[in-house]
Amino acid sequence: MRVLLSFVLLVAVACQPSLVGPGGSAPSTPANLTYELEPSGDPNRPLGILLMWDDVTDANLASYRVYSRSSSSGSYGLRGETSSNTFHDNGVPHLDYYVTAVNDNGEESGGSNVITVDERLQLDAPAWLSSISLNGAIHLEWDDSSYITAPTRFKWYRIYSTDYNLDTGRCDTSWLLEGTTVAPEFLASAMSNGVPRCFGVSAVSREGYESLWSPLRQDTPRPDARNTLVYALQVNGTQAGFRFWDDVNGDGRGQVSELGLVESGSATDVDFRITRGTADTMWIEPVFSGTRIGIYGQVADLTNIDSALATGYTRNAIQAVPTYGYVFEIVEGSTVRYGALRMTHVGRDYVIFDWSFQTDPGNPELQIRAGQSTAMATGTGVSGSK
């Protein structure tokens, strides 16, 4: 019986070592040891691990000792010593860690709880990744399954980018971190038009476990009248308003530089501004006193809006819905003109849409037809940074 009891005690000590000072005068045992991994882009090779625990308040506390082992069958060894209640371990972490406290006399407390670095706690990777080409930017969007499957453990997404070789059809291996976001969408901005980029997205848990990457996606920013990005007033007021036309030259022809202007949402001469409503909904709010809006309905493309509505316009704000078309009646004095837009994307911070504008006064035609020269005028989309 005495031999069996000794064996049980040895097993308990091997599972979680405990050191005590002579006479029971050792400091208090550190409690609530937790950790957070430092993602690197490679889910199998984190940059390091940060250990955190409750501070021991003993007056004669001198330091903490961190012990670790690289395998479940290995022995614990001293990993480091610190006077702080945190410890950063560079490189690929060991499997198990625990912490003790040491007083001025060199007496050591029992071991804290053991934490185990378990790669099986990785979140699901995004299953798909899509993009929209913008002027000097790329809008990225992916499925939110990483959050949906583990909402209490989800922390954020990490977005990576690198050069893309059109000739070989391959992404470069020198990946850069574009940023992080809690939403399943991201605006990669301040990019050079005409330069292809490759993108990938991973999900990170609250413990720092990084998932595998989404499928890779390549896209190229370009100057384009389509895919105009306008922020919500509450997010970026300087780029929350849109004006179909500002006839600066007074020639009534609609020069490119005068069309499709993204301006301040506080300006009184913009045709409309984007505002955020409850539950992160987005709304199109007419601003200029002569501008009214009407719902055209769901359309596959902007070109499906061939003519302005005869009736049904309002000064009230209308909710922005993806794939829906909207028509605008703009009255300046005795002159009436018409514009249209189709919502490509409605996010939490901004919307992306295609638009058209008829410079010919009173003409409701909103798409280019054979024989027409400037029946539909379009301008350059403007994008901002997230």
Foldseek 3Di string as FASTA:
>chain_A
DVVVVVVVVVVVCQQFNWFFFPPRPWFDWWEDKAKAFAPDQDLQKTQWMKIATDDGPDPQWDKKWKWAAQDSPDGIDTPDIGRDRMDIGGIGDGFKMWMWIAGPVRTIGTTYDIDGDDLVPFFAAFAAKDWDAAAQKIKIATDPRSCVVPVVFWDWKWKKKAFADPVVRDGDPDIDTQDIDRHRMFMRGNHDAPTKMKMWMWTATPRGRIYNIYPIDIDGHHWDLAFFKAWACVQDQQQFFWAQFDPPVPPLPGDQVGGTDGGGQPDQPGQWGWHADPPLWIKTAGRHPQKWKAWPFADPDPVVQFFADPDGTDRGIDTADARTKMKMWGDDPNWIWIKMKHWHDRDSTMTIIHMWTASPTPGGGTHDDPPDDPRTDTYTHDDDHD
